[in-house]
Amino acid sequence: MNSFPKTPDTWQAALAALPATPANIPAFFFGHGSPLLAMADSDAIPRGFGASNPQAQLAHFLRDFGPALLAKYSPKAILVVSAHWETYGEQLVSDYGDENPLLMDYYGFPQALYELKFNSRGDSAVTQRVVQLLKEVGISARPSPKSEPRGEDGRGFSGPGLDHGVFVPFRLMFGEDFTDIPIVEMSLDGSLDPEKNWALGEALVKLREEGVLILSGGLTIHNLRDRQSFSESSAQPIYKEFDKAVLEASSVPDNAERKKALMDLTSHKGFRIAHPRSEHFVPIHVAAGAGGQGDAKIVSAIYGATTVAFGL
């Protein structure tokens, strides 16, 4: 039986064991958490948000994850895909220039979460390269400037800026001021079709050889209708069964069989329970597609927030 990294000692060992391949950077699916990640070490988290221990554990991992990526891969740029940006019929790629705005795409949270800062920049050359690669395989795409809404996130939030699935975890991974390496965000295919989103990732494989780190963020468990599901200690068995199935599918050694296993997860009896809507799950298909024909390795198996390296 597989032993997955669920504690600081084991995920730090898994991160240390990643190959240092700056000429062929792996693509990663990572758990981006909720806005309350920013308060993971605070006693001020409101009761009822189900956020204390799971958020603290994920925050701890992300603080290890970011520096490990920078040390091993020295990326020239970061392309991020978030569960919170969907477009239909055309992929948009942020083109925000010297200052990436933030989109506070959440409501009902403590005021402090609307005052968060994350200073970063974009890079039009990276944006244009992403658009070019998508167009080369027949995917419609264009840059999205600050002057226009970027498209909705499935819940009606629309406007320019990095969404909370980016800036909240990135603050932990890279610090509040992170301007040395440009960050560009790309939308999901809003159909949420696994094959279409896998194809998005496949179109971007060349970026990994060009010094671009591809990070695709979501969650392996995301049911806001059932707060008990937020924590492994209170979740019903079906959630744990599905979470285990994700770990096992991501660990399949053969590439073709791993793709089938990841695709088949959408037919698992726990899938619609864990994901009433699948926007938080399809980012794993983007990351796996971007990994190409390389191996995969789980570097953190935190319940509901697995992180997998593809393309090793």
C-alpha atoms as a PDB file:
ATOM      1  CA  MET A   1       0.000   0.000   0.000  1.00  0.00           C
ATOM      2  CA  ASN A   2       1.243   3.483  -0.870  1.00  0.00           C
ATOM      3  CA  SER A   3       2.470   5.688   1.945  1.00  0.00           C
ATOM      4  CA  PHE A   4       1.633   9.288   1.105  1.00  0.00           C
ATOM      5  CA  PRO A   5       3.270  12.430   2.565  1.00  0.00           C
ATOM      6  CA  LYS A   6       0.794  13.882   5.056  1.00  0.00           C
ATOM      7  CA  THR A   7       3.062  15.366   7.723  1.00  0.00           C
ATOM      8  CA  PRO A   8       5.747  18.082   7.605  1.00  0.00           C
ATOM      9  CA  ASP A   9       8.593  15.572   7.815  1.00  0.00           C
ATOM     10  CA  THR A  10       7.228  13.466   4.977  1.00  0.00           C
ATOM     11  CA  TRP A  11       6.218  16.290   2.629  1.00  0.00           C
ATOM     12  CA  GLN A  12       9.548  18.057   3.208  1.00  0.00           C
ATOM     13  CA  ALA A  13      11.288  14.807   2.251  1.00  0.00           C
ATOM     14  CA  ALA A  14       9.085  14.512  -0.852  1.00  0.00           C
ATOM     15  CA  LEU A  15       9.891  18.082  -1.874  1.00  0.00           C
ATOM     16  CA  ALA A  16      13.607  17.477  -1.317  1.00  0.00           C
ATOM     17  CA  ALA A  17      13.424  14.372  -3.513  1.00  0.00           C
ATOM     18  CA  LEU A  18      12.001  16.250  -6.519  1.00  0.00           C
ATOM     19  CA  PRO A  19      14.569  16.356  -9.324  1.00  0.00           C
ATOM     20  CA  ALA A  20      16.202  19.738  -9.841  1.00  0.00           C
ATOM     21  CA  THR A  21      15.454  20.158 -13.561  1.00  0.00           C
ATOM     22  CA  PRO A  22      15.283  23.863 -14.437  1.00  0.00           C
ATOM     23  CA  ALA A  23      15.494  22.931 -18.137  1.00  0.00           C
ATOM     24  CA  ASN A  24      12.296  20.876 -17.841  1.00  0.00           C
ATOM     25  CA  ILE A  25      10.244  22.125 -14.896  1.00  0.00           C
ATOM     26  CA  PRO A  26       7.465  19.826 -13.676  1.00  0.00           C
ATOM     27  CA  ALA A  27       3.873  21.045 -13.718  1.00  0.00           C
ATOM     28  CA  PHE A  28       2.028  20.995 -10.403  1.00  0.00           C
ATOM     29  CA  PHE A  29      -1.531  20.619  -9.209  1.00  0.00           C
ATOM     30  CA  PHE A  30      -1.778  22.130  -5.729  1.00  0.00           C
ATOM     31  CA  GLY A  31      -4.431  22.715  -3.085  1.00  0.00           C
ATOM     32  CA  HIS A  32      -5.116  26.446  -2.987  1.00  0.00           C
ATOM     33  CA  GLY A  33      -7.288  26.421   0.132  1.00  0.00           C
ATOM     34  CA  SER A  34      -9.871  29.049   1.032  1.00  0.00           C
ATOM     35  CA  PRO A  35      -9.435  32.788   1.724  1.00  0.00           C
ATOM     36  CA  LEU A  36      -9.088  31.830   5.411  1.00  0.00           C
ATOM     37  CA  LEU A  37      -5.617  30.448   4.660  1.00  0.00           C
ATOM     38  CA  ALA A  38      -4.509  34.033   5.237  1.00  0.00           C
ATOM     39  CA  MET A  39      -5.714  33.693   8.840  1.00  0.00           C
ATOM     40  CA  ALA A  40      -4.511  30.138   9.405  1.00  0.00           C
ATOM     41  CA  ASP A  41      -2.311  31.158  12.334  1.00  0.00           C
ATOM     42  CA  SER A  42      -4.872  33.488  13.861  1.00  0.00           C
ATOM     43  CA  ASP A  43      -7.287  32.949  16.713  1.00  0.00           C
ATOM     44  CA  ALA A  44      -9.678  35.316  14.945  1.00  0.00           C
ATOM     45  CA  ILE A  45     -11.087  32.747  12.501  1.00  0.00           C
ATOM     46  CA  PRO A  46     -14.860  32.905  12.980  1.00  0.00           C
ATOM     47  CA  ARG A  47     -16.599  29.844  14.338  1.00  0.00           C
ATOM     48  CA  GLY A  48     -18.434  27.818  11.729  1.00  0.00           C
ATOM     49  CA  PHE A  49     -15.924  28.273   8.925  1.00  0.00           C
ATOM     50  CA  GLY A  50     -14.450  24.815   9.520  1.00  0.00           C
ATOM     51  CA  ALA A  51     -11.026  26.208   8.915  1.00  0.00           C
ATOM     52  CA  SER A  52      -8.739  25.792  11.890  1.00  0.00           C
ATOM     53  CA  ASN A  53      -6.569  22.690  11.702  1.00  0.00           C
ATOM     54  CA  PRO A  54      -6.912  21.806   7.980  1.00  0.00           C
ATOM     55  CA  GLN A  55      -6.124  25.396   6.950  1.00  0.00           C
ATOM     56  CA  ALA A  56      -3.163  25.583   9.315  1.00  0.00           C
ATOM     57  CA  GLN A  57      -1.729  22.350   7.931  1.00  0.00           C
ATOM     58  CA  LEU A  58      -2.122  23.529   4.330  1.00  0.00           C
ATOM     59  CA  ALA A  59      -0.609  26.921   5.171  1.00  0.00           C
ATOM     60  CA  HIS A  60       2.385  25.128   6.696  1.00  0.00           C
ATOM     61  CA  PHE A  61       2.828  23.050   3.550  1.00  0.00           C
ATOM     62  CA  LEU A  62       2.569  26.027   1.197  1.00  0.00           C
ATOM     63  CA  ARG A  63       5.281  27.844   3.141  1.00  0.00           C
ATOM     64  CA  ASP A  64       7.540  24.868   2.398  1.00  0.00           C
ATOM     65  CA  PHE A  65       6.287  24.366  -1.162  1.00  0.00           C
ATOM     66  CA  GLY A  66       7.036  27.797  -2.609  1.00  0.00           C
ATOM     67  CA  PRO A  67      10.681  28.105  -1.522  1.00  0.00           C
ATOM     68  CA  ALA A  68      11.352  24.530  -2.685  1.00  0.00           C
ATOM     69  CA  LEU A  69      10.061  25.380  -6.164  1.00  0.00           C
ATOM     70  CA  LEU A  70      12.184  28.511  -6.424  1.00  0.00           C
ATOM     71  CA  ALA A  71      15.313  26.730  -5.196  1.00  0.00           C
ATOM     72  CA  LYS A  72      14.979  23.730  -7.505  1.00  0.00           C
ATOM     73  CA  TYR A  73      13.740  25.361 -10.693  1.00  0.00           C
ATOM     74  CA  SER A  74      14.706  29.061 -10.670  1.00  0.00           C
ATOM     75  CA  PRO A  75      11.712  29.838 -12.906  1.00  0.00           C
ATOM     76  CA  LYS A  76      11.770  32.785 -15.280  1.00  0.00           C
ATOM     77  CA  ALA A  77       8.008  33.116 -14.959  1.00  0.00           C
ATOM     78  CA  ILE A  78       4.991  31.439 -13.352  1.00  0.00           C
ATOM     79  CA  LEU A  79       1.842  30.514 -15.250  1.00  0.00           C
ATOM     80  CA  VAL A  80      -1.009  29.806 -12.883  1.00  0.00           C
ATOM     81  CA  VAL A  81      -4.416  28.270 -13.544  1.00  0.00           C
ATOM     82  CA  SER A  82      -7.068  28.709 -10.854  1.00  0.00           C
ATOM     83  CA  ALA A  83     -10.404  27.063 -10.157  1.00  0.00           C
ATOM     84  CA  HIS A  84     -11.761  30.607  -9.884  1.00  0.00           C
ATOM     85  CA  TRP A  85     -11.443  31.760 -13.473  1.00  0.00           C
ATOM     86  CA  GLU A  86     -13.543  30.201 -16.216  1.00  0.00           C
ATOM     87  CA  THR A  87     -14.148  31.356 -19.789  1.00  0.00           C
ATOM     88  CA  TYR A  88     -16.282  29.863 -22.534  1.00  0.00           C
ATOM     89  CA  GLY A  89     -15.133  29.367 -26.121  1.00  0.00           C
ATOM     90  CA  GLU A  90     -11.969  31.411 -25.648  1.00  0.00           C
ATOM     91  CA  GLN A  91      -9.105  31.184 -23.199  1.00  0.00           C
ATOM     92  CA  LEU A  92      -7.998  34.437 -21.609  1.00  0.00           C
ATOM     93  CA  VAL A  93      -4.476  35.059 -20.345  1.00  0.00           C
ATOM     94  CA  SER A  94      -3.777  37.945 -17.981  1.00  0.00           C
ATOM     95  CA  ASP A  95      -1.782  40.846 -19.402  1.00  0.00           C
ATOM     96  CA  TYR A  96      -1.590  43.206 -16.442  1.00  0.00           C
ATOM     97  CA  GLY A  97       1.806  44.828 -16.904  1.00  0.00           C
ATOM     98  CA  ASP A  98       3.949  45.973 -14.003  1.00  0.00           C
ATOM     99  CA  GLU A  99       1.322  45.464 -11.289  1.00  0.00           C
ATOM    100  CA  ASN A 100      -1.090  42.550 -11.030  1.00  0.00           C
ATOM    101  CA  PRO A 101      -4.358  43.755  -9.456  1.00  0.00           C
ATOM    102  CA  LEU A 102      -6.172  41.518  -6.974  1.00  0.00           C
ATOM    103  CA  LEU A 103      -9.769  40.376  -7.360  1.00  0.00           C
ATOM    104  CA  MET A 104     -11.379  39.840  -3.957  1.00  0.00           C
ATOM    105  CA  ASP A 105     -13.746  37.205  -5.292  1.00  0.00           C
ATOM    106  CA  TYR A 106     -15.428  36.204  -2.043  1.00  0.00           C
ATOM    107  CA  TYR A 107     -18.058  37.504   0.324  1.00  0.00           C
ATOM    108  CA  GLY A 108     -19.051  37.145   3.973  1.00  0.00           C
ATOM    109  CA  PHE A 109     -15.494  36.899   5.324  1.00  0.00           C
ATOM    110  CA  PRO A 110     -13.752  38.995   8.003  1.00  0.00           C
ATOM    111  CA  GLN A 111     -12.769  42.502   6.912  1.00  0.00           C
ATOM    112  CA  ALA A 112      -9.063  41.678   7.191  1.00  0.00           C
ATOM    113  CA  LEU A 113      -9.392  39.379   4.179  1.00  0.00           C
ATOM    114  CA  TYR A 114     -10.435  42.331   2.026  1.00  0.00           C
ATOM    115  CA  GLU A 115      -7.280  44.195   2.985  1.00  0.00           C
ATOM    116  CA  LEU A 116      -4.782  41.534   1.923  1.00  0.00           C
ATOM    117  CA  LYS A 117      -1.794  42.585  -0.166  1.00  0.00           C
ATOM    118  CA  PHE A 118       0.199  40.628  -2.720  1.00  0.00           C
ATOM    119  CA  ASN A 119       2.532  42.677  -4.887  1.00  0.00           C
ATOM    120  CA  SER A 120       3.452  41.012  -8.164  1.00  0.00           C
ATOM    121  CA  ARG A 121       3.805  41.808 -11.852  1.00  0.00           C
ATOM    122  CA  GLY A 122       2.917  40.315 -15.200  1.00  0.00           C
ATOM    123  CA  ASP A 123       4.907  39.978 -18.424  1.00  0.00           C
ATOM    124  CA  SER A 124       3.356  40.583 -21.838  1.00  0.00           C
ATOM    125  CA  ALA A 125       5.941  38.394 -23.554  1.00  0.00           C
ATOM    126  CA  VAL A 126       4.919  35.428 -21.394  1.00  0.00           C
ATOM    127  CA  THR A 127       1.245  36.176 -22.010  1.00  0.00           C
ATOM    128  CA  GLN A 128       1.792  36.287 -25.765  1.00  0.00           C
ATOM    129  CA  ARG A 129       3.752  33.014 -25.672  1.00  0.00           C
ATOM    130  CA  VAL A 130       0.915  31.257 -23.853  1.00  0.00           C
ATOM    131  CA  VAL A 131      -1.611  32.613 -26.355  1.00  0.00           C
ATOM    132  CA  GLN A 132       0.597  31.506 -29.245  1.00  0.00           C
ATOM    133  CA  LEU A 133       0.943  27.946 -27.957  1.00  0.00           C
ATOM    134  CA  LEU A 134      -2.799  27.630 -27.461  1.00  0.00           C
ATOM    135  CA  LYS A 135      -3.538  28.941 -30.937  1.00  0.00           C
ATOM    136  CA  GLU A 136      -1.013  26.547 -32.476  1.00  0.00           C
ATOM    137  CA  VAL A 137      -3.202  23.623 -31.427  1.00  0.00           C
ATOM    138  CA  GLY A 138      -6.454  25.282 -32.448  1.00  0.00           C
ATOM    139  CA  ILE A 139      -7.526  26.669 -29.069  1.00  0.00           C
ATOM    140  CA  SER A 140      -8.938  30.176 -29.272  1.00  0.00           C
ATOM    141  CA  ALA A 141      -7.083  32.501 -26.896  1.00  0.00           C
ATOM    142  CA  ARG A 142      -6.198  36.138 -26.337  1.00  0.00           C
ATOM    143  CA  PRO A 143      -4.604  38.446 -23.750  1.00  0.00           C
ATOM    144  CA  SER A 144      -6.821  39.993 -21.065  1.00  0.00           C
ATOM    145  CA  PRO A 145      -5.747  43.513 -20.000  1.00  0.00           C
ATOM    146  CA  LYS A 146      -6.577  45.400 -16.816  1.00  0.00           C
ATOM    147  CA  SER A 147      -9.108  47.479 -18.700  1.00  0.00           C
ATOM    148  CA  GLU A 148     -11.661  44.658 -19.079  1.00  0.00           C
ATOM    149  CA  PRO A 149     -13.421  42.148 -16.844  1.00  0.00           C
ATOM    150  CA  ARG A 150     -11.647  38.845 -17.140  1.00  0.00           C
ATOM    151  CA  GLY A 151     -14.688  36.547 -17.073  1.00  0.00           C
ATOM    152  CA  GLU A 152     -16.607  34.939 -14.236  1.00  0.00           C
ATOM    153  CA  ASP A 153     -15.539  32.286 -11.750  1.00  0.00           C
ATOM    154  CA  GLY A 154     -18.734  30.251 -11.662  1.00  0.00           C
ATOM    155  CA  ARG A 155     -20.213  32.323  -8.824  1.00  0.00           C
ATOM    156  CA  GLY A 156     -20.605  35.637 -10.600  1.00  0.00           C
ATOM    157  CA  PHE A 157     -17.417  37.471  -9.625  1.00  0.00           C
ATOM    158  CA  SER A 158     -15.932  39.256 -12.612  1.00  0.00           C
ATOM    159  CA  GLY A 159     -13.207  41.860 -12.950  1.00  0.00           C
ATOM    160  CA  PRO A 160      -9.504  42.155 -13.692  1.00  0.00           C
ATOM    161  CA  GLY A 161      -7.005  40.703 -11.259  1.00  0.00           C
ATOM    162  CA  LEU A 162      -5.510  37.610  -9.717  1.00  0.00           C
ATOM    163  CA  ASP A 163      -8.235  35.758  -7.809  1.00  0.00           C
ATOM    164  CA  HIS A 164      -7.996  34.356  -4.291  1.00  0.00           C
ATOM    165  CA  GLY A 165      -7.044  30.930  -5.639  1.00  0.00           C
ATOM    166  CA  VAL A 166      -3.784  32.636  -6.634  1.00  0.00           C
ATOM    167  CA  PHE A 167      -2.961  35.495  -4.291  1.00  0.00           C
ATOM    168  CA  VAL A 168      -3.964  33.821  -1.030  1.00  0.00           C
ATOM    169  CA  PRO A 169      -1.710  30.743  -1.422  1.00  0.00           C
ATOM    170  CA  PHE A 170       1.013  32.706  -3.238  1.00  0.00           C
ATOM    171  CA  ARG A 171       1.358  35.094  -0.280  1.00  0.00           C
ATOM    172  CA  LEU A 172       2.268  32.061   1.808  1.00  0.00           C
ATOM    173  CA  MET A 173       4.463  30.478  -0.841  1.00  0.00           C
ATOM    174  CA  PHE A 174       6.401  33.532  -1.962  1.00  0.00           C
ATOM    175  CA  GLY A 175       5.728  36.392   0.474  1.00  0.00           C
ATOM    176  CA  GLU A 176       3.631  39.539   0.119  1.00  0.00           C
ATOM    177  CA  ASP A 177       6.166  41.256  -2.164  1.00  0.00           C
ATOM    178  CA  PHE A 178       7.060  39.029  -5.084  1.00  0.00           C
ATOM    179  CA  THR A 179       8.051  41.075  -8.094  1.00  0.00           C
ATOM    180  CA  ASP A 180      11.251  39.398  -9.300  1.00  0.00           C
ATOM    181  CA  ILE A 181       9.417  36.652 -11.201  1.00  0.00           C
ATOM    182  CA  PRO A 182       6.376  37.570 -13.335  1.00  0.00           C
ATOM    183  CA  ILE A 183       3.046  35.849 -12.744  1.00  0.00           C
ATOM    184  CA  VAL A 184       0.528  35.279 -15.522  1.00  0.00           C
ATOM    185  CA  GLU A 185      -2.878  33.648 -14.991  1.00  0.00           C
ATOM    186  CA  MET A 186      -4.829  31.631 -17.572  1.00  0.00           C
ATOM    187  CA  SER A 187      -8.526  30.748 -17.453  1.00  0.00           C
ATOM    188  CA  LEU A 188      -9.984  27.264 -17.292  1.00  0.00           C
ATOM    189  CA  ASP A 189     -12.166  25.998 -20.113  1.00  0.00           C
ATOM    190  CA  GLY A 190     -15.565  26.874 -18.661  1.00  0.00           C
ATOM    191  CA  SER A 191     -17.186  23.724 -20.023  1.00  0.00           C
ATOM    192  CA  LEU A 192     -15.266  21.994 -17.208  1.00  0.00           C
ATOM    193  CA  ASP A 193     -14.825  19.091 -19.610  1.00  0.00           C
ATOM    194  CA  PRO A 194     -11.846  16.992 -18.412  1.00  0.00           C
ATOM    195  CA  GLU A 195     -10.564  16.282 -21.934  1.00  0.00           C
ATOM    196  CA  LYS A 196     -10.688  19.939 -22.981  1.00  0.00           C
ATOM    197  CA  ASN A 197      -8.854  21.038 -19.858  1.00  0.00           C
ATOM    198  CA  TRP A 198      -6.299  18.247 -20.266  1.00  0.00           C
ATOM    199  CA  ALA A 199      -5.737  19.556 -23.813  1.00  0.00           C
ATOM    200  CA  LEU A 200      -5.120  23.038 -22.399  1.00  0.00           C
ATOM    201  CA  GLY A 201      -2.299  21.602 -20.337  1.00  0.00           C
ATOM    202  CA  GLU A 202      -0.885  19.603 -23.235  1.00  0.00           C
ATOM    203  CA  ALA A 203      -0.685  22.763 -25.325  1.00  0.00           C
ATOM    204  CA  LEU A 204       1.644  24.308 -22.743  1.00  0.00           C
ATOM    205  CA  VAL A 205       4.220  21.535 -22.361  1.00  0.00           C
ATOM    206  CA  LYS A 206       6.900  23.557 -24.190  1.00  0.00           C
ATOM    207  CA  LEU A 207       6.747  26.252 -21.521  1.00  0.00           C
ATOM    208  CA  ARG A 208       8.376  23.878 -19.059  1.00  0.00           C
ATOM    209  CA  GLU A 209      11.504  23.811 -21.247  1.00  0.00           C
ATOM    210  CA  GLU A 210      11.405  27.602 -21.488  1.00  0.00           C
ATOM    211  CA  GLY A 211      11.757  28.205 -17.766  1.00  0.00           C
ATOM    212  CA  VAL A 212       8.066  28.662 -16.955  1.00  0.00           C
ATOM    213  CA  LEU A 213       6.671  27.037 -13.820  1.00  0.00           C
ATOM    214  CA  ILE A 214       3.083  25.852 -14.368  1.00  0.00           C
ATOM    215  CA  LEU A 215       0.920  25.761 -11.228  1.00  0.00           C
ATOM    216  CA  SER A 216      -2.692  24.638 -11.432  1.00  0.00           C
ATOM    217  CA  GLY A 217      -4.721  25.207  -8.277  1.00  0.00           C
ATOM    218  CA  GLY A 218      -7.895  23.608  -6.982  1.00  0.00           C
ATOM    219  CA  LEU A 219      -8.991  21.168  -4.297  1.00  0.00           C
ATOM    220  CA  THR A 220      -9.650  17.443  -4.209  1.00  0.00           C
ATOM    221  CA  ILE A 221     -12.627  18.025  -1.881  1.00  0.00           C
ATOM    222  CA  HIS A 222     -14.843  21.069  -2.405  1.00  0.00           C
ATOM    223  CA  ASN A 223     -18.419  20.900  -1.177  1.00  0.00           C
ATOM    224  CA  LEU A 224     -19.454  24.197   0.395  1.00  0.00           C
ATOM    225  CA  ARG A 225     -22.854  22.716   1.179  1.00  0.00           C
ATOM    226  CA  ASP A 226     -21.335  20.345   3.728  1.00  0.00           C
ATOM    227  CA  ARG A 227     -18.990  22.043   6.169  1.00  0.00           C
ATOM    228  CA  GLN A 228     -18.293  18.708   7.848  1.00  0.00           C
ATOM    229  CA  SER A 229     -16.449  17.722   4.675  1.00  0.00           C
ATOM    230  CA  PHE A 230     -13.834  20.427   5.213  1.00  0.00           C
ATOM    231  CA  SER A 231     -11.957  18.394   7.814  1.00  0.00           C
ATOM    232  CA  GLU A 232     -10.820  14.791   7.581  1.00  0.00           C
ATOM    233  CA  SER A 233     -11.806  14.273  11.216  1.00  0.00           C
ATOM    234  CA  SER A 234     -15.470  15.137  10.573  1.00  0.00           C
ATOM    235  CA  ALA A 235     -15.952  14.178   6.910  1.00  0.00           C
ATOM    236  CA  GLN A 236     -18.232  11.298   6.002  1.00  0.00           C
ATOM    237  CA  PRO A 237     -16.498   8.131   4.711  1.00  0.00           C
ATOM    238  CA  ILE A 238     -17.442   8.797   1.071  1.00  0.00           C
ATOM    239  CA  TYR A 239     -15.267  11.939   1.037  1.00  0.00           C
ATOM    240  CA  LYS A 240     -12.286  10.023   2.387  1.00  0.00           C
ATOM    241  CA  GLU A 241     -12.878   7.269  -0.132  1.00  0.00           C
ATOM    242  CA  PHE A 242     -12.844   9.742  -2.999  1.00  0.00           C
ATOM    243  CA  ASP A 243      -9.780  11.540  -1.644  1.00  0.00           C
ATOM    244  CA  LYS A 244      -7.965   8.199  -1.472  1.00  0.00           C
ATOM    245  CA  ALA A 245      -9.023   7.420  -5.052  1.00  0.00           C
ATOM    246  CA  VAL A 246      -7.421  10.701  -6.201  1.00  0.00           C
ATOM    247  CA  LEU A 247      -4.161   9.761  -4.504  1.00  0.00           C
ATOM    248  CA  GLU A 248      -4.171   6.310  -6.062  1.00  0.00           C
ATOM    249  CA  ALA A 249      -5.016   7.598  -9.555  1.00  0.00           C
ATOM    250  CA  SER A 250      -2.265  10.214  -9.378  1.00  0.00           C
ATOM    251  CA  SER A 251       0.224   7.505  -8.393  1.00  0.00           C
ATOM    252  CA  VAL A 252      -0.377   5.164 -11.355  1.00  0.00           C
ATOM    253  CA  PRO A 253       3.074   4.644 -12.960  1.00  0.00           C
ATOM    254  CA  ASP A 254       2.080   4.228 -16.620  1.00  0.00           C
ATOM    255  CA  ASN A 255       1.161   7.502 -18.372  1.00  0.00           C
ATOM    256  CA  ALA A 256      -1.778   6.197 -20.383  1.00  0.00           C
ATOM    257  CA  GLU A 257      -3.176   4.276 -17.435  1.00  0.00           C
ATOM    258  CA  ARG A 258      -2.703   7.302 -15.152  1.00  0.00           C
ATOM    259  CA  LYS A 259      -4.670   9.493 -17.569  1.00  0.00           C
ATOM    260  CA  LYS A 260      -7.481   6.946 -17.657  1.00  0.00           C
ATOM    261  CA  ALA A 261      -7.480   6.706 -13.863  1.00  0.00           C
ATOM    262  CA  LEU A 262      -7.646  10.488 -13.467  1.00  0.00           C
ATOM    263  CA  MET A 263     -10.418  10.757 -16.037  1.00  0.00           C
ATOM    264  CA  ASP A 264     -12.359   7.908 -14.462  1.00  0.00           C
ATOM    265  CA  LEU A 265     -12.476   9.780 -11.158  1.00  0.00           C
ATOM    266  CA  THR A 266     -15.373  11.823 -12.534  1.00  0.00           C
ATOM    267  CA  SER A 267     -17.392   8.573 -12.553  1.00  0.00           C
ATOM    268  CA  HIS A 268     -16.462   7.663  -8.979  1.00  0.00           C
ATOM    269  CA  LYS A 269     -19.488   7.395  -6.701  1.00  0.00           C
ATOM    270  CA  GLY A 270     -18.017  10.084  -4.457  1.00  0.00           C
ATOM    271  CA  PHE A 271     -17.178  12.595  -7.180  1.00  0.00           C
ATOM    272  CA  ARG A 272     -20.432  14.572  -7.223  1.00  0.00           C
ATOM    273  CA  ILE A 273     -20.572  14.475  -3.439  1.00  0.00           C
ATOM    274  CA  ALA A 274     -17.057  15.888  -3.153  1.00  0.00           C
ATOM    275  CA  HIS A 275     -17.625  18.253  -6.081  1.00  0.00           C
ATOM    276  CA  PRO A 276     -21.236  19.412  -6.646  1.00  0.00           C
ATOM    277  CA  ARG A 277     -19.619  21.508  -9.382  1.00  0.00           C
ATOM    278  CA  SER A 278     -16.288  20.376 -10.792  1.00  0.00           C
ATOM    279  CA  GLU A 279     -14.366  23.652 -11.211  1.00  0.00           C
ATOM    280  CA  HIS A 280     -12.076  22.815  -8.302  1.00  0.00           C
ATOM    281  CA  PHE A 281     -11.256  19.390  -9.684  1.00  0.00           C
ATOM    282  CA  VAL A 282     -10.511  19.972 -13.384  1.00  0.00           C
ATOM    283  CA  PRO A 283      -7.297  21.931 -12.621  1.00  0.00           C
ATOM    284  CA  ILE A 284      -5.707  18.541 -11.911  1.00  0.00           C
ATOM    285  CA  HIS A 285      -6.395  17.638 -15.536  1.00  0.00           C
ATOM    286  CA  VAL A 286      -4.695  20.832 -16.735  1.00  0.00           C
ATOM    287  CA  ALA A 287      -1.609  20.068 -14.651  1.00  0.00           C
ATOM    288  CA  ALA A 288      -1.502  16.429 -15.732  1.00  0.00           C
ATOM    289  CA  GLY A 289      -1.800  17.440 -19.383  1.00  0.00           C
ATOM    290  CA  ALA A 290       1.030  19.937 -18.963  1.00  0.00           C
ATOM    291  CA  GLY A 291       3.156  17.172 -17.441  1.00  0.00           C
ATOM    292  CA  GLY A 292       3.330  15.454 -20.815  1.00  0.00           C
ATOM    293  CA  GLN A 293       4.662  11.926 -20.801  1.00  0.00           C
ATOM    294  CA  GLY A 294       6.712  12.242 -17.615  1.00  0.00           C
ATOM    295  CA  ASP A 295       6.228  10.518 -14.297  1.00  0.00           C
ATOM    296  CA  ALA A 296       4.066  11.853 -11.482  1.00  0.00           C
ATOM    297  CA  LYS A 297       4.694  12.097  -7.765  1.00  0.00           C
ATOM    298  CA  ILE A 298       2.518  13.174  -4.847  1.00  0.00           C
ATOM    299  CA  VAL A 299       4.431  15.680  -2.758  1.00  0.00           C
ATOM    300  CA  SER A 300       1.667  16.335  -0.221  1.00  0.00           C
ATOM    301  CA  ALA A 301      -1.420  14.275   0.577  1.00  0.00           C
ATOM    302  CA  ILE A 302      -3.210  16.701   2.878  1.00  0.00           C
ATOM    303  CA  TYR A 303      -6.875  15.720   2.936  1.00  0.00           C
ATOM    304  CA  GLY A 304      -8.793  17.685   0.344  1.00  0.00           C
ATOM    305  CA  ALA A 305      -5.685  19.558  -0.827  1.00  0.00           C
ATOM    306  CA  THR A 306      -3.375  17.056  -2.504  1.00  0.00           C
ATOM    307  CA  THR A 307      -0.344  18.429  -4.374  1.00  0.00           C
ATOM    308  CA  VAL A 308       1.032  16.429  -7.309  1.00  0.00           C
ATOM    309  CA  ALA A 309       4.074  16.980  -9.533  1.00  0.00           C
ATOM    310  CA  PHE A 310       3.563  15.917 -13.163  1.00  0.00           C
ATOM    311  CA  GLY A 311       6.274  15.556 -15.800  1.00  0.00           C
ATOM    312  CA  LEU A 312       9.164  14.314 -13.698  1.00  0.00           C
END
